[in-house]
Amino acid sequence: MRRKLRTLGSVALIAAMAVSAAACQDSGGGESEAGDCGGKIATFGAFTGPNAGLVIPSLNGSKLAVKQHNAANPDCQITLQEFDTQGAAAQATPIANQIANDQSFLAVIGGGFSGESKATMPIYEAAGLVMVSPSATAAELTTAGNKAFHRVVGNDATQGAAAAKYLKDVVKAQKVFVVDDGTTYGSGIAAEVTKGLGSLVASSDKVQEKQTNFDATISKIKTAQADAVAYAGYTNEAAPFLKQLRAAGVTAKFIGFDGLYDPAFPAGAGAGADGAVVTCPCLPAEKAGGTFAADFQKEYGQAAGSYGAEGYDAAKILIDGLKDGKTTRKDLFDFVNAYDKPGVSKDLKFDDSGDVEKSKVKIWAYEIKGGQITPQQEIALS
C-alpha cells in the first residue's frame, strides 16, 4: 500500500511539474517573464579619485533604479556590480576584458568619462555587450560606427554650441580664451566651443592631466586681454587653475563644462570660484520627472547632482529589458536599440549612432554661489 501511494505521489508530482513547466511557456514557445527574468549588469566609472564627484550621483541614480525594481519584483532580481576605473582608460581596459569574458554580465552602464568609454567600446562591441552611458559626452564616441555605445545625454557638439551661445548672448564676451586638458573629452568640447565662437576666440592653450602650476597659461590669458575663459576638462586640474587665475588678478568670466559639475570643483578653487558658470546637458534634480527627486533625496540624504537622473534612466532602460525577458546579450542589445519610452530626464530613444534624440536634449547653465553649484538657466538650443 505504501509503495502504491508513493508511486501515485510520484506520478502526481511529475504531472504537477509538467503543468508548471507548461505554464512558464508563452504561446511562441519561449519562457514568460516569471520563468526568464532578471540578470546581471556591470557599471564602470570614476567611483573614487579626484574627479569622482562628477560620477557618484549617476552611480547612485543607477543603484536607486535597481533597488526599486528589486523591491517591487522579488521573483525578478537584478544585480548591479560596480567596477571602479577612477576614470582612467588604462584601468578601464582590463576591467572591460574581465566583464566581456564573464558571460553572466548581460549589459554595461558606462563609461562615466569619454576617454574610458572610447578605450573600451571595441571590447564591449566584440563581446556583444550593449553599453548605456549616463555622462560620456564626447561627440566622437558616436561617429566612428561602434554599435555597442549608447548614451542618454546630449553630446558635446550640442553642449559646445549652447555654451558658445551663452558666452555670446549672456556673458556678452568679446575675447574668449579657450583652455583644454588634452583628454578625449576636453579637447573634443574645446573644439566644439571654438567652432561656435568663431572670431570671438582670442587665443587658446592646452594644459595636462595632473598639472599643478598654470603660470604659463595664465600669462597667455593676460596677454590676450581675454574677458572670458572657457575651460574644457576635469576638476583635478580646473580647481587649482581657477584658484591661480584669480590669485594672479585675472577677473575674466570663467565658463566650464559638465566635467566641472562636481562639488570638489568650487571646494578646490576657493572663494574665486563664485560667479563661475558650468554648463551641462543634465537636468537640475527638481526638473526630473516622476518622484525621482524625492526618492533620491530620501535614499541618499541629498539632492541628485550631476547626471543623477541620467544614471537612473541608463539603468532603467536595461532593467526594462531584463524584466521583459531579454536575458541574453543579443536580445538585450536589440531591446536597447529599439527602446522608446519616457524617462525621468527626457524621452529616451536612440538614433542609429547611439545618440539620444537631439530634440529631447536640454543644456543648463549652473552658477557657483557660496561654494554651491546652483541652477541658473536653461540655454535655448535654437
Protein backbone atom coordinates (compact mmCIF):
# COMPACT_ATOMS: atom_id res chain seq x y z
CA MET A 1 0.00 0.00 0.00
CA ARG A 2 2.77 2.41 0.88
CA ARG A 3 4.59 1.57 -2.35
CA LYS A 4 1.40 2.20 -4.35
CA LEU A 5 0.84 5.55 -2.65
CA ARG A 6 4.48 6.50 -3.26
CA THR A 7 4.04 5.64 -6.93
CA LEU A 8 0.84 7.65 -7.20
CA GLY A 9 2.54 10.53 -5.43
CA SER A 10 5.41 10.44 -7.90
CA VAL A 11 3.01 10.47 -10.83
CA ALA A 12 1.19 13.45 -9.31
CA LEU A 13 4.49 15.27 -8.76
CA ILE A 14 5.58 14.67 -12.34
CA ALA A 15 2.21 15.88 -13.60
CA ALA A 16 2.42 18.98 -11.45
CA MET A 17 5.92 19.70 -12.77
CA ALA A 18 4.67 19.31 -16.32
CA VAL A 19 1.81 21.73 -15.68
CA SER A 20 4.22 24.19 -14.07
CA ALA A 21 6.63 23.94 -17.00
CA ALA A 22 3.79 24.44 -19.45
CA ALA A 23 2.65 27.49 -17.52
CA CYS A 24 6.10 29.06 -17.94
CA GLN A 25 5.88 28.81 -21.71
CA ASP A 26 4.33 31.57 -23.76
CA SER A 27 2.39 30.99 -26.95
CA GLY A 28 5.54 31.38 -29.02
CA GLY A 29 7.37 28.62 -27.17
CA GLY A 30 9.59 30.98 -25.18
CA GLU A 31 9.70 31.49 -21.44
CA SER A 32 7.49 34.07 -19.77
CA GLU A 33 8.71 36.90 -17.56
CA ALA A 34 8.33 34.73 -14.45
CA GLY A 35 10.43 31.94 -15.96
CA ASP A 36 13.12 34.10 -17.57
CA CYS A 37 13.62 37.45 -15.91
CA GLY A 38 16.37 39.47 -14.29
CA GLY A 39 20.11 39.23 -14.66
CA LYS A 40 23.43 40.94 -14.04
CA ILE A 41 24.62 44.38 -15.15
CA ALA A 42 28.11 45.88 -14.84
CA THR A 43 28.72 49.57 -14.25
CA PHE A 44 32.12 51.25 -14.51
CA GLY A 45 33.50 54.72 -13.93
CA ALA A 46 35.42 57.05 -11.62
CA PHE A 47 33.86 55.92 -8.36
CA THR A 48 36.92 57.06 -6.42
CA GLY A 49 39.69 59.54 -7.17
CA PRO A 50 39.91 63.31 -7.67
CA ASN A 51 37.08 63.50 -10.23
CA ALA A 52 34.66 61.05 -8.61
CA GLY A 53 32.23 63.79 -7.54
CA LEU A 54 31.10 64.08 -11.15
CA VAL A 55 30.22 60.37 -11.39
CA ILE A 56 28.89 59.34 -7.98
CA PRO A 57 25.43 60.91 -8.50
CA SER A 58 24.86 58.89 -11.68
CA LEU A 59 26.08 55.72 -9.94
CA ASN A 60 23.64 56.39 -7.12
CA GLY A 61 20.86 57.03 -9.62
CA SER A 62 21.51 53.63 -11.20
CA LYS A 63 21.63 51.92 -7.82
CA LEU A 64 18.32 53.54 -6.86
CA ALA A 65 16.65 52.24 -10.03
CA VAL A 66 17.86 48.69 -9.36
CA LYS A 67 16.88 48.83 -5.69
CA GLN A 68 13.36 49.99 -6.52
CA HIS A 69 12.96 47.30 -9.15
CA ASN A 70 14.17 44.51 -6.87
CA ALA A 71 11.88 45.62 -4.04
CA ALA A 72 8.87 45.57 -6.37
CA ASN A 73 9.82 42.34 -8.18
CA PRO A 74 11.05 39.68 -5.72
CA ASP A 75 10.90 36.98 -8.44
CA CYS A 76 12.88 39.07 -10.95
CA GLN A 77 16.08 40.17 -9.25
CA ILE A 78 18.76 42.27 -10.95
CA THR A 79 22.36 42.56 -9.78
CA LEU A 80 24.41 45.70 -10.40
CA GLN A 81 28.15 45.17 -9.97
CA GLU A 82 30.43 48.20 -9.68
CA PHE A 83 33.89 48.49 -11.23
CA ASP A 84 35.99 51.49 -10.23
CA THR A 85 38.22 52.83 -13.00
CA GLN A 86 38.98 56.25 -11.48
CA GLY A 87 38.04 57.46 -14.96
CA ALA A 88 41.30 56.21 -16.49
CA ALA A 89 41.33 54.36 -19.80
CA ALA A 90 44.30 52.26 -18.66
CA GLN A 91 42.28 50.96 -15.70
CA ALA A 92 39.04 50.63 -17.64
CA THR A 93 40.52 48.40 -20.37
CA PRO A 94 41.39 45.30 -18.28
CA ILE A 95 38.08 45.70 -16.45
CA ALA A 96 36.28 45.68 -19.80
CA ASN A 97 38.03 42.46 -20.76
CA GLN A 98 37.04 40.92 -17.42
CA ILE A 99 33.39 41.89 -17.90
CA ALA A 100 33.32 40.81 -21.54
CA ASN A 101 34.72 37.37 -20.71
CA ASP A 102 32.23 36.78 -17.87
CA GLN A 103 29.09 35.54 -19.60
CA SER A 104 26.97 36.32 -16.54
CA PHE A 105 27.10 40.02 -17.46
CA LEU A 106 24.37 40.96 -19.93
CA ALA A 107 24.92 44.73 -20.32
CA VAL A 108 27.04 47.65 -19.16
CA ILE A 109 26.25 51.07 -17.68
CA GLY A 110 29.11 53.38 -18.61
CA GLY A 111 31.53 54.76 -19.06
CA GLY A 112 31.29 57.79 -16.89
CA PHE A 113 34.01 59.61 -18.83
CA SER A 114 34.62 59.83 -22.57
CA GLY A 115 38.22 58.61 -22.59
CA GLU A 116 37.46 55.35 -20.80
CA SER A 117 34.40 54.87 -23.00
CA LYS A 118 36.44 55.32 -26.19
CA ALA A 119 39.07 52.84 -24.98
CA THR A 120 36.59 50.11 -24.05
CA MET A 121 33.87 50.40 -26.72
CA PRO A 122 35.59 47.96 -29.13
CA ILE A 123 35.88 45.35 -26.37
CA TYR A 124 32.21 45.54 -25.46
CA GLU A 125 31.13 45.57 -29.09
CA ALA A 126 33.18 42.45 -29.86
CA ALA A 127 31.56 40.71 -26.89
CA GLY A 128 28.04 41.73 -27.94
CA LEU A 129 27.53 43.76 -24.76
CA VAL A 130 25.38 46.86 -25.07
CA MET A 131 26.61 49.99 -23.27
CA VAL A 132 24.39 52.78 -21.95
CA SER A 133 26.32 55.79 -20.66
CA PRO A 134 24.78 58.42 -18.38
CA SER A 135 27.50 61.03 -18.87
CA ALA A 136 30.14 60.40 -21.57
CA THR A 137 29.60 63.33 -23.94
CA ALA A 138 32.47 63.42 -26.48
CA ALA A 139 30.94 63.75 -29.94
CA GLU A 140 33.39 61.29 -31.49
CA LEU A 141 32.02 58.38 -29.46
CA THR A 142 29.04 58.09 -31.79
CA THR A 143 30.65 58.99 -35.11
CA ALA A 144 33.01 56.06 -35.65
CA GLY A 145 30.40 53.36 -36.26
CA ASN A 146 30.61 51.49 -32.95
CA LYS A 147 27.31 49.69 -32.36
CA ALA A 148 27.65 48.97 -28.63
CA PHE A 149 27.77 52.53 -27.26
CA HIS A 150 24.57 54.44 -26.39
CA ARG A 151 24.13 57.49 -24.19
CA VAL A 152 21.15 59.16 -22.56
CA VAL A 153 22.72 62.65 -22.68
CA GLY A 154 23.39 65.13 -25.44
CA ASN A 155 26.84 65.10 -26.98
CA ASP A 156 29.42 67.87 -26.90
CA ALA A 157 28.52 69.16 -30.35
CA THR A 158 25.21 70.21 -28.78
CA GLN A 159 26.70 71.34 -25.47
CA GLY A 160 29.51 73.23 -27.23
CA ALA A 161 27.08 75.13 -29.42
CA ALA A 162 24.94 76.01 -26.39
CA ALA A 163 27.98 77.15 -24.38
CA ALA A 164 29.14 79.35 -27.26
CA LYS A 165 25.65 80.87 -27.45
CA TYR A 166 25.73 81.53 -23.71
CA LEU A 167 29.10 83.27 -23.98
CA LYS A 168 27.80 85.45 -26.80
CA ASP A 169 24.29 86.25 -25.58
CA VAL A 170 24.55 86.17 -21.79
CA VAL A 171 28.19 86.93 -20.97
CA LYS A 172 28.50 89.28 -23.97
CA ALA A 173 32.12 88.18 -24.28
CA GLN A 174 34.34 89.91 -26.84
CA LYS A 175 37.56 87.95 -26.35
CA VAL A 176 37.41 84.34 -25.17
CA PHE A 177 40.50 82.33 -24.23
CA VAL A 178 39.90 78.58 -24.62
CA VAL A 179 41.82 76.10 -22.45
CA ASP A 180 41.59 72.30 -22.62
CA ASP A 181 43.30 69.46 -20.77
CA GLY A 182 44.16 67.31 -23.81
CA THR A 183 41.80 64.46 -22.85
CA THR A 184 39.30 62.93 -25.27
CA TYR A 185 36.59 64.91 -23.50
CA GLY A 186 38.47 68.18 -23.01
CA SER A 187 39.90 68.55 -26.50
CA GLY A 188 36.58 67.49 -28.02
CA ILE A 189 34.38 70.05 -26.33
CA ALA A 190 37.02 72.77 -26.69
CA ALA A 191 36.90 72.22 -30.44
CA GLU A 192 33.10 72.50 -30.46
CA VAL A 193 33.12 75.71 -28.40
CA THR A 194 35.85 77.19 -30.59
CA LYS A 195 33.80 76.42 -33.69
CA GLY A 196 30.73 78.05 -32.16
CA LEU A 197 32.58 81.18 -31.06
CA GLY A 198 34.41 81.78 -34.33
CA SER A 199 36.22 85.11 -34.34
CA LEU A 200 35.48 85.69 -30.64
CA VAL A 201 38.28 83.25 -29.74
CA ALA A 202 41.23 85.43 -28.81
CA SER A 203 43.63 82.53 -28.31
CA SER A 204 43.89 79.05 -26.80
CA ASP A 205 46.21 76.77 -24.85
CA LYS A 206 46.48 73.22 -23.55
CA VAL A 207 47.28 72.01 -20.06
CA GLN A 208 47.94 68.44 -18.97
CA GLU A 209 46.38 65.96 -16.59
CA LYS A 210 47.98 66.16 -13.13
CA GLN A 211 49.49 69.57 -13.89
CA THR A 212 49.72 71.77 -10.81
CA ASN A 213 51.33 75.04 -11.99
CA PHE A 214 49.50 77.10 -14.60
CA ASP A 215 51.63 80.26 -14.74
CA ALA A 216 52.40 79.89 -18.47
CA THR A 217 48.75 79.63 -19.49
CA ILE A 218 47.72 82.47 -17.16
CA SER A 219 50.39 84.68 -18.74
CA LYS A 220 48.95 83.97 -22.19
CA ILE A 221 45.45 84.84 -20.95
CA LYS A 222 46.71 88.18 -19.68
CA THR A 223 48.50 88.90 -22.96
CA ALA A 224 45.32 88.11 -24.92
CA GLN A 225 43.34 90.53 -22.68
CA ALA A 226 40.52 88.00 -22.62
CA ASP A 227 37.27 88.96 -20.92
CA ALA A 228 36.19 85.30 -20.66
CA VAL A 229 37.96 81.99 -20.13
CA ALA A 230 36.40 78.73 -21.31
CA TYR A 231 37.93 75.69 -19.61
CA ALA A 232 37.40 72.18 -21.00
CA GLY A 233 38.50 69.43 -18.66
CA TYR A 234 38.02 67.94 -15.20
CA THR A 235 38.11 69.16 -11.61
CA ASN A 236 41.56 67.88 -10.66
CA GLU A 237 43.25 70.49 -12.85
CA ALA A 238 40.48 73.07 -13.21
CA ALA A 239 40.21 73.86 -9.49
CA PRO A 240 43.86 74.85 -8.96
CA PHE A 241 43.88 76.56 -12.37
CA LEU A 242 40.99 78.86 -11.43
CA LYS A 243 42.43 79.50 -7.99
CA GLN A 244 45.77 80.56 -9.51
CA LEU A 245 43.99 82.59 -12.21
CA ARG A 246 42.18 84.68 -9.59
CA ALA A 247 45.30 84.98 -7.44
CA ALA A 248 47.08 86.45 -10.49
CA GLY A 249 44.44 89.17 -10.68
CA VAL A 250 42.56 87.88 -13.73
CA THR A 251 38.87 88.73 -13.36
CA ALA A 252 37.67 87.37 -16.73
CA LYS A 253 34.38 85.43 -16.60
CA PHE A 254 35.09 81.73 -16.13
CA ILE A 255 33.00 79.17 -18.00
CA GLY A 256 33.49 75.42 -17.60
CA PHE A 257 31.55 72.47 -18.93
CA ASP A 258 29.97 69.35 -17.47
CA GLY A 259 33.34 67.90 -16.48
CA LEU A 260 33.35 70.52 -13.69
CA TYR A 261 29.87 69.78 -12.36
CA ASP A 262 31.46 68.36 -9.24
CA PRO A 263 31.27 69.67 -5.64
CA ALA A 264 35.05 69.29 -5.44
CA PHE A 265 35.49 72.00 -8.09
CA PRO A 266 34.25 75.02 -6.09
CA ALA A 267 35.71 73.49 -2.92
CA GLY A 268 39.15 73.27 -4.54
CA ALA A 269 39.00 76.60 -6.34
CA GLY A 270 38.01 78.51 -3.22
CA ALA A 271 36.25 81.86 -3.00
CA GLY A 272 37.40 82.79 -6.50
CA ALA A 273 35.00 80.22 -7.92
CA ASP A 274 31.94 82.29 -7.02
CA GLY A 275 30.31 83.54 -10.19
CA ALA A 276 31.88 80.83 -12.34
CA VAL A 277 29.44 79.03 -14.64
CA VAL A 278 29.32 75.35 -15.60
CA THR A 279 27.20 74.08 -18.50
CA CYS A 280 25.77 70.58 -18.52
CA PRO A 281 23.40 68.51 -20.68
CA CYS A 282 21.84 67.35 -17.41
CA LEU A 283 18.71 68.42 -15.59
CA PRO A 284 18.52 70.04 -12.18
CA ALA A 285 17.16 67.39 -9.83
CA GLU A 286 13.90 69.24 -9.27
CA LYS A 287 13.19 69.22 -13.02
CA ALA A 288 13.31 65.43 -13.28
CA GLY A 289 10.09 63.52 -13.90
CA GLY A 290 8.03 61.41 -11.56
CA THR A 291 9.13 61.05 -7.94
CA PHE A 292 12.82 60.78 -8.79
CA ALA A 293 13.98 63.89 -6.92
CA ALA A 294 12.13 62.97 -3.71
CA ASP A 295 13.20 59.31 -3.96
CA PHE A 296 16.86 60.24 -4.42
CA GLN A 297 16.74 62.72 -1.54
CA LYS A 298 15.17 60.11 0.73
CA GLU A 299 17.66 57.40 -0.24
CA TYR A 300 20.88 59.44 -0.06
CA GLY A 301 20.02 62.43 2.13
CA GLN A 302 20.88 64.96 -0.55
CA ALA A 303 19.66 66.21 -3.90
CA ALA A 304 20.82 64.41 -7.02
CA GLY A 305 23.79 66.21 -8.55
CA SER A 306 25.35 65.83 -11.96
CA TYR A 307 23.71 63.11 -14.05
CA GLY A 308 21.74 61.59 -11.17
CA ALA A 309 18.55 61.43 -13.22
CA GLU A 310 20.50 60.26 -16.26
CA GLY A 311 22.11 57.46 -14.24
CA TYR A 312 18.64 56.37 -13.17
CA ASP A 313 17.48 56.39 -16.80
CA ALA A 314 20.50 54.42 -18.05
CA ALA A 315 19.77 51.68 -15.53
CA LYS A 316 16.01 51.77 -16.13
CA ILE A 317 16.42 51.04 -19.86
CA LEU A 318 18.34 47.86 -19.07
CA ILE A 319 16.01 46.95 -16.21
CA ASP A 320 13.03 47.20 -18.55
CA GLY A 321 14.72 44.81 -20.95
CA LEU A 322 15.61 42.26 -18.30
CA LYS A 323 12.12 42.47 -16.82
CA ASP A 324 10.74 41.86 -20.31
CA GLY A 325 12.65 38.58 -20.56
CA LYS A 326 15.55 39.84 -22.67
CA THR A 327 18.12 37.75 -20.82
CA THR A 328 20.74 37.17 -23.50
CA ARG A 329 23.29 39.73 -24.58
CA LYS A 330 21.87 39.84 -28.09
CA ASP A 331 18.26 40.19 -27.02
CA LEU A 332 19.10 42.99 -24.58
CA PHE A 333 21.26 44.69 -27.23
CA ASP A 334 18.32 44.67 -29.67
CA PHE A 335 15.94 45.85 -26.93
CA VAL A 336 18.07 48.95 -26.23
CA ASN A 337 18.32 49.78 -29.93
CA ALA A 338 14.51 49.75 -30.19
CA TYR A 339 13.82 51.50 -26.86
CA ASP A 340 11.30 54.33 -26.99
CA LYS A 341 9.85 55.33 -23.61
CA PRO A 342 9.78 58.41 -21.37
CA GLY A 343 12.50 58.53 -18.72
CA VAL A 344 12.87 60.85 -15.75
CA SER A 345 15.41 63.05 -17.58
CA LYS A 346 13.81 63.03 -21.04
CA ASP A 347 12.06 60.82 -23.57
CA LEU A 348 14.54 58.07 -24.39
CA LYS A 349 15.06 56.89 -27.94
CA PHE A 350 18.35 56.27 -29.71
CA ASP A 351 19.30 57.06 -33.29
CA ASP A 352 21.39 54.69 -35.40
CA SER A 353 24.62 56.08 -33.94
CA GLY A 354 23.58 55.56 -30.31
CA ASP A 355 22.82 59.21 -29.53
CA VAL A 356 19.62 60.14 -27.75
CA GLU A 357 17.23 62.14 -29.89
CA LYS A 358 18.64 65.68 -30.19
CA SER A 359 15.27 67.40 -29.87
CA LYS A 360 14.93 65.97 -26.34
CA VAL A 361 18.30 67.28 -25.10
CA LYS A 362 18.37 70.22 -22.71
CA ILE A 363 21.50 72.17 -21.75
CA TRP A 364 21.60 74.03 -18.44
CA ALA A 365 23.91 76.70 -17.09
CA TYR A 366 24.79 76.32 -13.40
CA GLU A 367 26.36 79.13 -11.40
CA ILE A 368 28.59 78.75 -8.37
CA LYS A 369 27.23 80.73 -5.43
CA GLY A 370 28.66 80.49 -1.96
CA GLY A 371 30.60 77.41 -2.97
CA GLN A 372 27.46 75.62 -4.23
CA ILE A 373 26.62 74.67 -7.82
CA THR A 374 23.15 76.11 -8.41
CA PRO A 375 20.87 76.05 -11.49
CA GLN A 376 20.90 79.37 -13.31
CA GLN A 377 19.03 78.95 -16.59
CA GLU A 378 18.31 76.60 -19.45
CA ILE A 379 20.20 77.54 -22.60
CA ALA A 380 17.96 77.57 -25.64
CA LEU A 381 19.44 75.47 -28.43
CA SER A 382 17.93 77.45 -31.29
